[in-house]
Amino acid sequence: MEKTRYTEEDLKEFRELINKKLDIAREEFNTLQKQLRDGNENGTDSTNNNYLTLDDGADTFEKENLTQLAGRLKKFINNLEAAMVRVENGTYGVCKVTGKLIPKERLRAVPHTTMSIEAKLGQK
């Protein structure tokens, strides 16, 4: 008979993996938030407009990149937190399309996934 859920021992492994990834992602997110919040406090008081224009452009580009990165990281954190809810309620690792268990190797690589590779490829 095919297993339909992971064992408590398996879930413990995934819980630890997800918690490690969450800790790292939250730390990175907080660092990005701090960089965005602090902005350009270390700016120079140059009176040459050419330099100011270049600096403004670089600062804007940098801020846009940091904002994009922070957004992706926040989404990743949300996905990991949702995975943790699934671990706690015992539904973690069950493909939402096929209802079968997602292989452990895939879950170790992408712990927040909700679909097996077959289901993901069939989405096209």
PDB file of N, CA and C in Angstrom:
ATOM      1  N   MET A   1       0.828  -1.187   0.000  1.00  0.00           N
ATOM      2  CA  MET A   1       0.000   0.000   0.000  1.00  0.00           C
ATOM      3  C   MET A   1       0.877   1.257   0.000  1.00  0.00           C
ATOM      4  N   GLU A   2       0.510   2.224  -0.800  1.00  0.00           N
ATOM      5  CA  GLU A   2       1.274   3.453  -0.936  1.00  0.00           C
ATOM      6  C   GLU A   2       1.026   4.383   0.249  1.00  0.00           C
ATOM      7  N   LYS A   3       2.123   4.967   0.773  1.00  0.00           N
ATOM      8  CA  LYS A   3       1.997   5.901   1.893  1.00  0.00           C
ATOM      9  C   LYS A   3       1.298   7.180   1.424  1.00  0.00           C
ATOM     10  N   THR A   4       0.452   7.727   2.279  1.00  0.00           N
ATOM     11  CA  THR A   4      -0.241   8.971   1.921  1.00  0.00           C
ATOM     12  C   THR A   4       0.213  10.141   2.783  1.00  0.00           C
ATOM     13  N   ARG A   5       1.006   9.858   3.807  1.00  0.00           N
ATOM     14  CA  ARG A   5       1.536  10.907   4.676  1.00  0.00           C
ATOM     15  C   ARG A   5       2.942  10.531   5.130  1.00  0.00           C
ATOM     16  N   TYR A   6       3.715  11.556   5.482  1.00  0.00           N
ATOM     17  CA  TYR A   6       5.040  11.297   6.044  1.00  0.00           C
ATOM     18  C   TYR A   6       4.915  10.992   7.525  1.00  0.00           C
ATOM     19  N   THR A   7       5.881  10.205   8.040  1.00  0.00           N
ATOM     20  CA  THR A   7       5.886   9.824   9.454  1.00  0.00           C
ATOM     21  C   THR A   7       6.297  11.022  10.310  1.00  0.00           C
ATOM     22  N   GLU A   8       6.077  10.908  11.608  1.00  0.00           N
ATOM     23  CA  GLU A   8       6.489  11.964  12.543  1.00  0.00           C
ATOM     24  C   GLU A   8       7.991  12.198  12.458  1.00  0.00           C
ATOM     25  N   GLU A   9       8.742  11.123  12.279  1.00  0.00           N
ATOM     26  CA  GLU A   9      10.204  11.234  12.162  1.00  0.00           C
ATOM     27  C   GLU A   9      10.580  12.034  10.909  1.00  0.00           C
ATOM     28  N   ASP A  10       9.905  11.738   9.796  1.00  0.00           N
ATOM     29  CA  ASP A  10      10.144  12.488   8.557  1.00  0.00           C
ATOM     30  C   ASP A  10       9.776  13.965   8.759  1.00  0.00           C
ATOM     31  N   LEU A  11       8.631  14.197   9.375  1.00  0.00           N
ATOM     32  CA  LEU A  11       8.168  15.579   9.590  1.00  0.00           C
ATOM     33  C   LEU A  11       9.128  16.351  10.491  1.00  0.00           C
ATOM     34  N   LYS A  12       9.733  15.639  11.446  1.00  0.00           N
ATOM     35  CA  LYS A  12      10.712  16.286  12.334  1.00  0.00           C
ATOM     36  C   LYS A  12      11.906  16.790  11.508  1.00  0.00           C
ATOM     37  N   GLU A  13      12.368  15.949  10.581  1.00  0.00           N
ATOM     38  CA  GLU A  13      13.490  16.339   9.705  1.00  0.00           C
ATOM     39  C   GLU A  13      13.117  17.587   8.891  1.00  0.00           C
ATOM     40  N   PHE A  14      11.918  17.577   8.311  1.00  0.00           N
ATOM     41  CA  PHE A  14      11.493  18.710   7.490  1.00  0.00           C
ATOM     42  C   PHE A  14      11.280  19.962   8.340  1.00  0.00           C
ATOM     43  N   ARG A  15      10.774  19.796   9.560  1.00  0.00           N
ATOM     44  CA  ARG A  15      10.571  20.926  10.478  1.00  0.00           C
ATOM     45  C   ARG A  15      11.910  21.617  10.744  1.00  0.00           C
ATOM     46  N   GLU A  16      12.946  20.805  11.017  1.00  0.00           N
ATOM     47  CA  GLU A  16      14.281  21.351  11.287  1.00  0.00           C
ATOM     48  C   GLU A  16      14.835  22.071  10.053  1.00  0.00           C
ATOM     49  N   LEU A  17      14.671  21.457   8.892  1.00  0.00           N
ATOM     50  CA  LEU A  17      15.143  22.044   7.642  1.00  0.00           C
ATOM     51  C   LEU A  17      14.449  23.387   7.378  1.00  0.00           C
ATOM     52  N   ILE A  18      13.139  23.407   7.525  1.00  0.00           N
ATOM     53  CA  ILE A  18      12.366  24.628   7.266  1.00  0.00           C
ATOM     54  C   ILE A  18      12.736  25.712   8.279  1.00  0.00           C
ATOM     55  N   ASN A  19      12.897  25.339   9.548  1.00  0.00           N
ATOM     56  CA  ASN A  19      13.270  26.324  10.569  1.00  0.00           C
ATOM     57  C   ASN A  19      14.635  26.946  10.285  1.00  0.00           C
ATOM     58  N   LYS A  20      15.597  26.137   9.831  1.00  0.00           N
ATOM     59  CA  LYS A  20      16.920  26.666   9.475  1.00  0.00           C
ATOM     60  C   LYS A  20      16.794  27.666   8.329  1.00  0.00           C
ATOM     61  N   LYS A  21      16.043  27.279   7.298  1.00  0.00           N
ATOM     62  CA  LYS A  21      15.869  28.166   6.142  1.00  0.00           C
ATOM     63  C   LYS A  21      15.125  29.447   6.543  1.00  0.00           C
ATOM     64  N   LEU A  22      14.143  29.313   7.431  1.00  0.00           N
ATOM     65  CA  LEU A  22      13.400  30.483   7.915  1.00  0.00           C
ATOM     66  C   LEU A  22      14.312  31.433   8.677  1.00  0.00           C
ATOM     67  N   ASP A  23      15.159  30.897   9.537  1.00  0.00           N
ATOM     68  CA  ASP A  23      16.080  31.734  10.312  1.00  0.00           C
ATOM     69  C   ASP A  23      16.996  32.530   9.382  1.00  0.00           C
ATOM     70  N   ILE A  24      17.557  31.854   8.400  1.00  0.00           N
ATOM     71  CA  ILE A  24      18.467  32.514   7.450  1.00  0.00           C
ATOM     72  C   ILE A  24      17.713  33.572   6.639  1.00  0.00           C
ATOM     73  N   ALA A  25      16.548  33.203   6.120  1.00  0.00           N
ATOM     74  CA  ALA A  25      15.770  34.129   5.283  1.00  0.00           C
ATOM     75  C   ALA A  25      15.327  35.355   6.087  1.00  0.00           C
ATOM     76  N   ARG A  26      14.903  35.145   7.317  1.00  0.00           N
ATOM     77  CA  ARG A  26      14.470  36.283   8.149  1.00  0.00           C
ATOM     78  C   ARG A  26      15.638  37.220   8.460  1.00  0.00           C
ATOM     79  N   GLU A  27      16.795  36.629   8.710  1.00  0.00           N
ATOM     80  CA  GLU A  27      17.985  37.439   8.980  1.00  0.00           C
ATOM     81  C   GLU A  27      18.351  38.272   7.745  1.00  0.00           C
ATOM     82  N   GLU A  28      18.330  37.641   6.584  1.00  0.00           N
ATOM     83  CA  GLU A  28      18.628  38.363   5.336  1.00  0.00           C
ATOM     84  C   GLU A  28      17.585  39.457   5.083  1.00  0.00           C
ATOM     85  N   PHE A  29      16.326  39.135   5.340  1.00  0.00           N
ATOM     86  CA  PHE A  29      15.244  40.106   5.135  1.00  0.00           C
ATOM     87  C   PHE A  29      15.432  41.314   6.063  1.00  0.00           C
ATOM     88  N   ASN A  30      15.766  41.064   7.316  1.00  0.00           N
ATOM     89  CA  ASN A  30      15.987  42.153   8.270  1.00  0.00           C
ATOM     90  C   ASN A  30      17.160  43.025   7.855  1.00  0.00           C
ATOM     91  N   THR A  31      18.206  42.397   7.325  1.00  0.00           N
ATOM     92  CA  THR A  31      19.367  43.151   6.831  1.00  0.00           C
ATOM     93  C   THR A  31      18.956  44.047   5.663  1.00  0.00           C
ATOM     94  N   LEU A  32      18.175  43.493   4.738  1.00  0.00           N
ATOM     95  CA  LEU A  32      17.704  44.289   3.587  1.00  0.00           C
ATOM     96  C   LEU A  32      16.814  45.444   4.055  1.00  0.00           C
ATOM     97  N   GLN A  33      15.918  45.151   4.996  1.00  0.00           N
ATOM     98  CA  GLN A  33      15.032  46.197   5.530  1.00  0.00           C
ATOM     99  C   GLN A  33      15.858  47.322   6.150  1.00  0.00           C
ATOM    100  N   LYS A  34      16.902  46.952   6.877  1.00  0.00           N
ATOM    101  CA  LYS A  34      17.767  47.953   7.514  1.00  0.00           C
ATOM    102  C   LYS A  34      18.471  48.798   6.453  1.00  0.00           C
ATOM    103  N   GLN A  35      18.968  48.146   5.408  1.00  0.00           N
ATOM    104  CA  GLN A  35      19.637  48.878   4.322  1.00  0.00           C
ATOM    105  C   GLN A  35      18.668  49.847   3.656  1.00  0.00           C
ATOM    106  N   LEU A  36      17.446  49.393   3.428  1.00  0.00           N
ATOM    107  CA  LEU A  36      16.448  50.262   2.794  1.00  0.00           C
ATOM    108  C   LEU A  36      16.056  51.412   3.717  1.00  0.00           C
ATOM    109  N   ARG A  37      15.921  51.106   4.989  1.00  0.00           N
ATOM    110  CA  ARG A  37      15.524  52.126   5.964  1.00  0.00           C
ATOM    111  C   ARG A  37      16.620  53.183   6.146  1.00  0.00           C
ATOM    112  N   ASP A  38      17.863  52.705   6.230  1.00  0.00           N
ATOM    113  CA  ASP A  38      18.970  53.626   6.449  1.00  0.00           C
ATOM    114  C   ASP A  38      19.256  54.476   5.216  1.00  0.00           C
ATOM    115  N   GLY A  39      18.965  53.928   4.058  1.00  0.00           N
ATOM    116  CA  GLY A  39      19.133  54.681   2.811  1.00  0.00           C
ATOM    117  C   GLY A  39      20.547  55.157   2.616  1.00  0.00           C
ATOM    118  N   ASN A  40      20.653  56.387   2.222  1.00  0.00           N
ATOM    119  CA  ASN A  40      21.959  56.954   1.890  1.00  0.00           C
ATOM    120  C   ASN A  40      22.399  57.936   2.964  1.00  0.00           C
ATOM    121  N   GLU A  41      22.429  57.485   4.201  1.00  0.00           N
ATOM    122  CA  GLU A  41      22.852  58.375   5.280  1.00  0.00           C
ATOM    123  C   GLU A  41      24.328  58.705   5.203  1.00  0.00           C
ATOM    124  N   ASN A  42      25.086  57.903   4.466  1.00  0.00           N
ATOM    125  CA  ASN A  42      26.516  58.132   4.354  1.00  0.00           C
ATOM    126  C   ASN A  42      26.857  58.938   3.106  1.00  0.00           C
ATOM    127  N   GLY A  43      25.900  59.665   2.581  1.00  0.00           N
ATOM    128  CA  GLY A  43      26.111  60.451   1.373  1.00  0.00           C
ATOM    129  C   GLY A  43      27.132  61.557   1.588  1.00  0.00           C
ATOM    130  N   THR A  44      27.675  62.050   0.483  1.00  0.00           N
ATOM    131  CA  THR A  44      28.669  63.119   0.577  1.00  0.00           C
ATOM    132  C   THR A  44      28.011  64.440   0.231  1.00  0.00           C
ATOM    133  N   ASP A  45      28.592  65.489   0.729  1.00  0.00           N
ATOM    134  CA  ASP A  45      28.072  66.834   0.463  1.00  0.00           C
ATOM    135  C   ASP A  45      28.858  67.470  -0.671  1.00  0.00           C
ATOM    136  N   SER A  46      28.855  66.827  -1.812  1.00  0.00           N
ATOM    137  CA  SER A  46      29.565  67.358  -2.970  1.00  0.00           C
ATOM    138  C   SER A  46      28.699  68.431  -3.624  1.00  0.00           C
ATOM    139  N   THR A  47      29.362  69.479  -4.124  1.00  0.00           N
ATOM    140  CA  THR A  47      28.608  70.536  -4.786  1.00  0.00           C
ATOM    141  C   THR A  47      28.615  70.360  -6.297  1.00  0.00           C
ATOM    142  N   ASN A  48      29.298  69.338  -6.798  1.00  0.00           N
ATOM    143  CA  ASN A  48      29.356  69.101  -8.231  1.00  0.00           C
ATOM    144  C   ASN A  48      28.098  68.342  -8.652  1.00  0.00           C
ATOM    145  N   ASN A  49      27.257  68.973  -9.476  1.00  0.00           N
ATOM    146  CA  ASN A  49      25.978  68.389  -9.882  1.00  0.00           C
ATOM    147  C   ASN A  49      26.127  67.096 -10.678  1.00  0.00           C
ATOM    148  N   ASN A  50      27.212  66.949 -11.451  1.00  0.00           N
ATOM    149  CA  ASN A  50      27.416  65.720 -12.215  1.00  0.00           C
ATOM    150  C   ASN A  50      27.515  64.514 -11.294  1.00  0.00           C
ATOM    151  N   TYR A  51      28.261  64.678 -10.232  1.00  0.00           N
ATOM    152  CA  TYR A  51      28.408  63.568  -9.283  1.00  0.00           C
ATOM    153  C   TYR A  51      27.103  63.290  -8.565  1.00  0.00           C
ATOM    154  N   LEU A  52      26.393  64.344  -8.224  1.00  0.00           N
ATOM    155  CA  LEU A  52      25.119  64.160  -7.523  1.00  0.00           C
ATOM    156  C   LEU A  52      24.128  63.396  -8.392  1.00  0.00           C
ATOM    157  N   THR A  53      24.075  63.722  -9.672  1.00  0.00           N
ATOM    158  CA  THR A  53      23.157  63.056 -10.584  1.00  0.00           C
ATOM    159  C   THR A  53      23.514  61.582 -10.719  1.00  0.00           C
ATOM    160  N   LEU A  54      24.796  61.287 -10.863  1.00  0.00           N
ATOM    161  CA  LEU A  54      25.226  59.900 -10.957  1.00  0.00           C
ATOM    162  C   LEU A  54      24.925  59.155  -9.666  1.00  0.00           C
ATOM    163  N   ASP A  55      25.209  59.791  -8.550  1.00  0.00           N
ATOM    164  CA  ASP A  55      24.929  59.164  -7.253  1.00  0.00           C
ATOM    165  C   ASP A  55      23.445  58.911  -7.076  1.00  0.00           C
ATOM    166  N   ASP A  56      22.609  59.870  -7.472  1.00  0.00           N
ATOM    167  CA  ASP A  56      21.162  59.706  -7.345  1.00  0.00           C
ATOM    168  C   ASP A  56      20.680  58.524  -8.170  1.00  0.00           C
ATOM    169  N   GLY A  57      21.196  58.409  -9.382  1.00  0.00           N
ATOM    170  CA  GLY A  57      20.812  57.294 -10.256  1.00  0.00           C
ATOM    171  C   GLY A  57      21.249  55.958  -9.680  1.00  0.00           C
ATOM    172  N   ALA A  58      22.465  55.911  -9.181  1.00  0.00           N
ATOM    173  CA  ALA A  58      22.983  54.677  -8.586  1.00  0.00           C
ATOM    174  C   ALA A  58      22.193  54.328  -7.330  1.00  0.00           C
ATOM    175  N   ASP A  59      21.885  55.339  -6.530  1.00  0.00           N
ATOM    176  CA  ASP A  59      21.105  55.113  -5.305  1.00  0.00           C
ATOM    177  C   ASP A  59      19.714  54.578  -5.630  1.00  0.00           C
ATOM    178  N   THR A  60      19.085  55.153  -6.645  1.00  0.00           N
ATOM    179  CA  THR A  60      17.749  54.710  -7.044  1.00  0.00           C
ATOM    180  C   THR A  60      17.796  53.272  -7.537  1.00  0.00           C
ATOM    181  N   PHE A  61      18.791  52.972  -8.369  1.00  0.00           N
ATOM    182  CA  PHE A  61      18.956  51.616  -8.890  1.00  0.00           C
ATOM    183  C   PHE A  61      19.169  50.626  -7.748  1.00  0.00           C
ATOM    184  N   GLU A  62      20.045  51.002  -6.827  1.00  0.00           N
ATOM    185  CA  GLU A  62      20.338  50.146  -5.668  1.00  0.00           C
ATOM    186  C   GLU A  62      19.087  49.916  -4.828  1.00  0.00           C
ATOM    187  N   LYS A  63      18.333  50.978  -4.588  1.00  0.00           N
ATOM    188  CA  LYS A  63      17.118  50.873  -3.767  1.00  0.00           C
ATOM    189  C   LYS A  63      16.079  49.978  -4.455  1.00  0.00           C
ATOM    190  N   GLU A  64      15.932  50.118  -5.783  1.00  0.00           N
ATOM    191  CA  GLU A  64      14.995  49.274  -6.526  1.00  0.00           C
ATOM    192  C   GLU A  64      15.394  47.804  -6.434  1.00  0.00           C
ATOM    193  N   ASN A  65      16.692  47.540  -6.565  1.00  0.00           N
ATOM    194  CA  ASN A  65      17.178  46.158  -6.461  1.00  0.00           C
ATOM    195  C   ASN A  65      16.929  45.589  -5.067  1.00  0.00           C
ATOM    196  N   LEU A  66      17.219  46.385  -4.041  1.00  0.00           N
ATOM    197  CA  LEU A  66      17.008  45.938  -2.670  1.00  0.00           C
ATOM    198  C   LEU A  66      15.521  45.688  -2.401  1.00  0.00           C
ATOM    199  N   THR A  67      14.672  46.556  -2.938  1.00  0.00           N
ATOM    200  CA  THR A  67      13.229  46.399  -2.747  1.00  0.00           C
ATOM    201  C   THR A  67      12.733  45.122  -3.414  1.00  0.00           C
ATOM    202  N   GLN A  68      13.209  44.861  -4.634  1.00  0.00           N
ATOM    203  CA  GLN A  68      12.836  43.624  -5.343  1.00  0.00           C
ATOM    204  C   GLN A  68      13.296  42.392  -4.575  1.00  0.00           C
ATOM    205  N   LEU A  69      14.538  42.428  -4.121  1.00  0.00           N
ATOM    206  CA  LEU A  69      15.094  41.310  -3.374  1.00  0.00           C
ATOM    207  C   LEU A  69      14.322  41.084  -2.077  1.00  0.00           C
ATOM    208  N   ALA A  70      13.990  42.169  -1.389  1.00  0.00           N
ATOM    209  CA  ALA A  70      13.220  42.066  -0.151  1.00  0.00           C
ATOM    210  C   ALA A  70      11.839  41.463  -0.423  1.00  0.00           C
ATOM    211  N   GLY A  71      11.220  41.843  -1.520  1.00  0.00           N
ATOM    212  CA  GLY A  71       9.910  41.310  -1.887  1.00  0.00           C
ATOM    213  C   GLY A  71       9.959  39.813  -2.144  1.00  0.00           C
ATOM    214  N   ARG A  72      10.983  39.384  -2.874  1.00  0.00           N
ATOM    215  CA  ARG A  72      11.141  37.946  -3.152  1.00  0.00           C
ATOM    216  C   ARG A  72      11.416  37.169  -1.861  1.00  0.00           C
ATOM    217  N   LEU A  73      12.232  37.764  -1.011  1.00  0.00           N
ATOM    218  CA  LEU A  73      12.564  37.115   0.259  1.00  0.00           C
ATOM    219  C   LEU A  73      11.338  37.008   1.157  1.00  0.00           C
ATOM    220  N   LYS A  74      10.506  38.038   1.171  1.00  0.00           N
ATOM    221  CA  LYS A  74       9.281  38.021   1.980  1.00  0.00           C
ATOM    222  C   LYS A  74       8.339  36.919   1.474  1.00  0.00           C
ATOM    223  N   LYS A  75       8.238  36.781   0.154  1.00  0.00           N
ATOM    224  CA  LYS A  75       7.401  35.730  -0.424  1.00  0.00           C
ATOM    225  C   LYS A  75       7.938  34.349  -0.035  1.00  0.00           C
ATOM    226  N   PHE A  76       9.261  34.192  -0.073  1.00  0.00           N
ATOM    227  CA  PHE A  76       9.911  32.935   0.309  1.00  0.00           C
ATOM    228  C   PHE A  76       9.612  32.619   1.777  1.00  0.00           C
ATOM    229  N   ILE A  77       9.726  33.629   2.643  1.00  0.00           N
ATOM    230  CA  ILE A  77       9.425  33.449   4.069  1.00  0.00           C
ATOM    231  C   ILE A  77       7.970  33.032   4.258  1.00  0.00           C
ATOM    232  N   ASN A  78       7.066  33.699   3.571  1.00  0.00           N
ATOM    233  CA  ASN A  78       5.638  33.343   3.663  1.00  0.00           C
ATOM    234  C   ASN A  78       5.396  31.907   3.223  1.00  0.00           C
ATOM    235  N   ASN A  79       6.064  31.490   2.141  1.00  0.00           N
ATOM    236  CA  ASN A  79       5.921  30.114   1.645  1.00  0.00           C
ATOM    237  C   ASN A  79       6.479  29.097   2.649  1.00  0.00           C
ATOM    238  N   LEU A  80       7.613  29.433   3.279  1.00  0.00           N
ATOM    239  CA  LEU A  80       8.186  28.547   4.289  1.00  0.00           C
ATOM    240  C   LEU A  80       7.276  28.462   5.512  1.00  0.00           C
ATOM    241  N   GLU A  81       6.697  29.591   5.905  1.00  0.00           N
ATOM    242  CA  GLU A  81       5.776  29.586   7.049  1.00  0.00           C
ATOM    243  C   GLU A  81       4.535  28.745   6.746  1.00  0.00           C
ATOM    244  N   ALA A  82       4.048  28.822   5.521  1.00  0.00           N
ATOM    245  CA  ALA A  82       2.900  28.000   5.123  1.00  0.00           C
ATOM    246  C   ALA A  82       3.283  26.517   5.134  1.00  0.00           C
ATOM    247  N   ALA A  83       4.517  26.217   4.720  1.00  0.00           N
ATOM    248  CA  ALA A  83       4.999  24.834   4.759  1.00  0.00           C
ATOM    249  C   ALA A  83       5.051  24.341   6.204  1.00  0.00           C
ATOM    250  N   MET A  84       5.447  25.207   7.110  1.00  0.00           N
ATOM    251  CA  MET A  84       5.517  24.829   8.526  1.00  0.00           C
ATOM    252  C   MET A  84       4.118  24.507   9.068  1.00  0.00           C
ATOM    253  N   VAL A  85       3.121  25.247   8.620  1.00  0.00           N
ATOM    254  CA  VAL A  85       1.735  24.956   9.022  1.00  0.00           C
ATOM    255  C   VAL A  85       1.352  23.562   8.533  1.00  0.00           C
ATOM    256  N   ARG A  86       1.743  23.238   7.290  1.00  0.00           N
ATOM    257  CA  ARG A  86       1.440  21.908   6.753  1.00  0.00           C
ATOM    258  C   ARG A  86       2.169  20.813   7.528  1.00  0.00           C
ATOM    259  N   VAL A  87       3.405  21.105   7.974  1.00  0.00           N
ATOM    260  CA  VAL A  87       4.135  20.130   8.796  1.00  0.00           C
ATOM    261  C   VAL A  87       3.355  19.890  10.083  1.00  0.00           C
ATOM    262  N   GLU A  88       2.935  20.976  10.719  1.00  0.00           N
ATOM    263  CA  GLU A  88       2.247  20.866  12.008  1.00  0.00           C
ATOM    264  C   GLU A  88       0.899  20.156  11.894  1.00  0.00           C
ATOM    265  N   ASN A  89       0.197  20.328  10.774  1.00  0.00           N
ATOM    266  CA  ASN A  89      -1.103  19.654  10.658  1.00  0.00           C
ATOM    267  C   ASN A  89      -1.015  18.312   9.924  1.00  0.00           C
ATOM    268  N   GLY A  90       0.218  17.881   9.600  1.00  0.00           N
ATOM    269  CA  GLY A  90       0.423  16.548   9.038  1.00  0.00           C
ATOM    270  C   GLY A  90       0.159  16.405   7.555  1.00  0.00           C
ATOM    271  N   THR A  91      -0.066  17.520   6.859  1.00  0.00           N
ATOM    272  CA  THR A  91      -0.337  17.433   5.412  1.00  0.00           C
ATOM    273  C   THR A  91       0.890  17.783   4.573  1.00  0.00           C
ATOM    274  N   TYR A  92       2.015  18.025   5.216  1.00  0.00           N
ATOM    275  CA  TYR A  92       3.233  18.411   4.502  1.00  0.00           C
ATOM    276  C   TYR A  92       3.688  17.298   3.564  1.00  0.00           C
ATOM    277  N   GLY A  93       4.098  17.698   2.364  1.00  0.00           N
ATOM    278  CA  GLY A  93       4.661  16.745   1.413  1.00  0.00           C
ATOM    279  C   GLY A  93       3.647  16.044   0.541  1.00  0.00           C
ATOM    280  N   VAL A  94       2.376  16.430   0.660  1.00  0.00           N
ATOM    281  CA  VAL A  94       1.332  15.838  -0.178  1.00  0.00           C
ATOM    282  C   VAL A  94       1.079  16.785  -1.352  1.00  0.00           C
ATOM    283  N   CYS A  95       1.216  16.278  -2.564  1.00  0.00           N
ATOM    284  CA  CYS A  95       1.021  17.094  -3.763  1.00  0.00           C
ATOM    285  C   CYS A  95      -0.428  17.570  -3.835  1.00  0.00           C
ATOM    286  N   LYS A  96      -0.596  18.875  -4.032  1.00  0.00           N
ATOM    287  CA  LYS A  96      -1.958  19.420  -4.074  1.00  0.00           C
ATOM    288  C   LYS A  96      -2.691  19.066  -5.372  1.00  0.00           C
ATOM    289  N   VAL A  97      -1.966  18.565  -6.359  1.00  0.00           N
ATOM    290  CA  VAL A  97      -2.587  18.188  -7.631  1.00  0.00           C
ATOM    291  C   VAL A  97      -2.905  16.697  -7.672  1.00  0.00           C
ATOM    292  N   THR A  98      -1.895  15.875  -7.354  1.00  0.00           N
ATOM    293  CA  THR A  98      -2.064  14.428  -7.478  1.00  0.00           C
ATOM    294  C   THR A  98      -2.517  13.754  -6.180  1.00  0.00           C
ATOM    295  N   GLY A  99      -2.282  14.409  -5.046  1.00  0.00           N
ATOM    296  CA  GLY A  99      -2.618  13.806  -3.757  1.00  0.00           C
ATOM    297  C   GLY A  99      -1.601  12.776  -3.296  1.00  0.00           C
ATOM    298  N   LYS A 100      -0.534  12.585  -4.066  1.00  0.00           N
ATOM    299  CA  LYS A 100       0.515  11.622  -3.710  1.00  0.00           C
ATOM    300  C   LYS A 100       1.631  12.331  -2.957  1.00  0.00           C
ATOM    301  N   LEU A 101       2.460  11.536  -2.297  1.00  0.00           N
ATOM    302  CA  LEU A 101       3.585  12.117  -1.571  1.00  0.00           C
ATOM    303  C   LEU A 101       4.627  12.663  -2.551  1.00  0.00           C
ATOM    304  N   ILE A 102       5.107  13.853  -2.257  1.00  0.00           N
ATOM    305  CA  ILE A 102       6.199  14.454  -3.023  1.00  0.00           C
ATOM    306  C   ILE A 102       7.479  13.782  -2.532  1.00  0.00           C
ATOM    307  N   PRO A 103       8.364  13.358  -3.437  1.00  0.00           N
ATOM    308  CA  PRO A 103       9.593  12.685  -3.006  1.00  0.00           C
ATOM    309  C   PRO A 103      10.413  13.546  -2.038  1.00  0.00           C
ATOM    310  N   LYS A 104      11.032  12.872  -1.076  1.00  0.00           N
ATOM    311  CA  LYS A 104      11.835  13.568  -0.062  1.00  0.00           C
ATOM    312  C   LYS A 104      12.931  14.431  -0.689  1.00  0.00           C
ATOM    313  N   GLU A 105      13.534  13.931  -1.768  1.00  0.00           N
ATOM    314  CA  GLU A 105      14.622  14.673  -2.413  1.00  0.00           C
ATOM    315  C   GLU A 105      14.122  16.044  -2.879  1.00  0.00           C
ATOM    316  N   ARG A 106      12.936  16.084  -3.445  1.00  0.00           N
ATOM    317  CA  ARG A 106      12.364  17.360  -3.914  1.00  0.00           C
ATOM    318  C   ARG A 106      12.071  18.273  -2.727  1.00  0.00           C
ATOM    319  N   LEU A 107      11.529  17.709  -1.663  1.00  0.00           N
ATOM    320  CA  LEU A 107      11.209  18.519  -0.487  1.00  0.00           C
ATOM    321  C   LEU A 107      12.472  19.060   0.181  1.00  0.00           C
ATOM    322  N   ARG A 108      13.544  18.287   0.139  1.00  0.00           N
ATOM    323  CA  ARG A 108      14.808  18.784   0.710  1.00  0.00           C
ATOM    324  C   ARG A 108      15.355  19.931  -0.125  1.00  0.00           C
ATOM    325  N   ALA A 109      15.178  19.845  -1.430  1.00  0.00           N
ATOM    326  CA  ALA A 109      15.673  20.897  -2.331  1.00  0.00           C
ATOM    327  C   ALA A 109      14.768  22.131  -2.313  1.00  0.00           C
ATOM    328  N   VAL A 110      13.455  21.905  -2.285  1.00  0.00           N
ATOM    329  CA  VAL A 110      12.467  22.993  -2.322  1.00  0.00           C
ATOM    330  C   VAL A 110      11.450  22.709  -1.205  1.00  0.00           C
ATOM    331  N   PRO A 111      11.811  23.019   0.042  1.00  0.00           N
ATOM    332  CA  PRO A 111      10.969  22.603   1.170  1.00  0.00           C
ATOM    333  C   PRO A 111       9.582  23.239   1.223  1.00  0.00           C
ATOM    334  N   HIS A 112       9.368  24.301   0.483  1.00  0.00           N
ATOM    335  CA  HIS A 112       8.065  24.970   0.506  1.00  0.00           C
ATOM    336  C   HIS A 112       7.151  24.541  -0.642  1.00  0.00           C
ATOM    337  N   THR A 113       7.610  23.596  -1.465  1.00  0.00           N
ATOM    338  CA  THR A 113       6.805  23.178  -2.615  1.00  0.00           C
ATOM    339  C   THR A 113       5.508  22.500  -2.186  1.00  0.00           C
ATOM    340  N   THR A 114       4.494  22.653  -3.021  1.00  0.00           N
ATOM    341  CA  THR A 114       3.213  21.984  -2.766  1.00  0.00           C
ATOM    342  C   THR A 114       2.864  21.026  -3.909  1.00  0.00           C
ATOM    343  N   MET A 115       3.814  20.905  -4.870  1.00  0.00           N
ATOM    344  CA  MET A 115       3.547  20.038  -6.021  1.00  0.00           C
ATOM    345  C   MET A 115       4.736  19.148  -6.341  1.00  0.00           C
ATOM    346  N   SER A 116       4.427  17.967  -6.827  1.00  0.00           N
ATOM    347  CA  SER A 116       5.463  17.067  -7.323  1.00  0.00           C
ATOM    348  C   SER A 116       5.973  17.624  -8.649  1.00  0.00           C
ATOM    349  N   ILE A 117       7.111  17.120  -9.073  1.00  0.00           N
ATOM    350  CA  ILE A 117       7.670  17.552 -10.364  1.00  0.00           C
ATOM    351  C   ILE A 117       6.684  17.259 -11.487  1.00  0.00           C
ATOM    352  N   GLU A 118       6.055  16.073 -11.451  1.00  0.00           N
ATOM    353  CA  GLU A 118       5.109  15.685 -12.503  1.00  0.00           C
ATOM    354  C   GLU A 118       3.957  16.703 -12.591  1.00  0.00           C
ATOM    355  N   ALA A 119       3.421  17.089 -11.435  1.00  0.00           N
ATOM    356  CA  ALA A 119       2.324  18.052 -11.416  1.00  0.00           C
ATOM    357  C   ALA A 119       2.801  19.415 -11.909  1.00  0.00           C
ATOM    358  N   LYS A 120       3.989  19.812 -11.491  1.00  0.00           N
ATOM    359  CA  LYS A 120       4.552  21.104 -11.890  1.00  0.00           C
ATOM    360  C   LYS A 120       4.771  21.158 -13.398  1.00  0.00           C
ATOM    361  N   LEU A 121       5.320  20.088 -13.964  1.00  0.00           N
ATOM    362  CA  LEU A 121       5.580  20.054 -15.406  1.00  0.00           C
ATOM    363  C   LEU A 121       4.280  19.981 -16.191  1.00  0.00           C
ATOM    364  N   GLY A 122       3.264  19.387 -15.626  1.00  0.00           N
ATOM    365  CA  GLY A 122       1.972  19.286 -16.295  1.00  0.00           C
ATOM    366  C   GLY A 122       1.181  20.585 -16.293  1.00  0.00           C
ATOM    367  N   GLN A 123       1.673  21.604 -15.607  1.00  0.00           N
ATOM    368  CA  GLN A 123       0.973  22.880 -15.482  1.00  0.00           C
ATOM    369  C   GLN A 123       1.034  23.741 -16.733  1.00  0.00           C
ATOM    370  N   LYS A 124       2.017  23.531 -17.550  1.00  0.00           N
ATOM    371  CA  LYS A 124       2.280  24.372 -18.712  1.00  0.00           C
ATOM    372  C   LYS A 124       1.062  24.892 -19.330  1.00  0.00           C
TER     373      LYS A 124
END
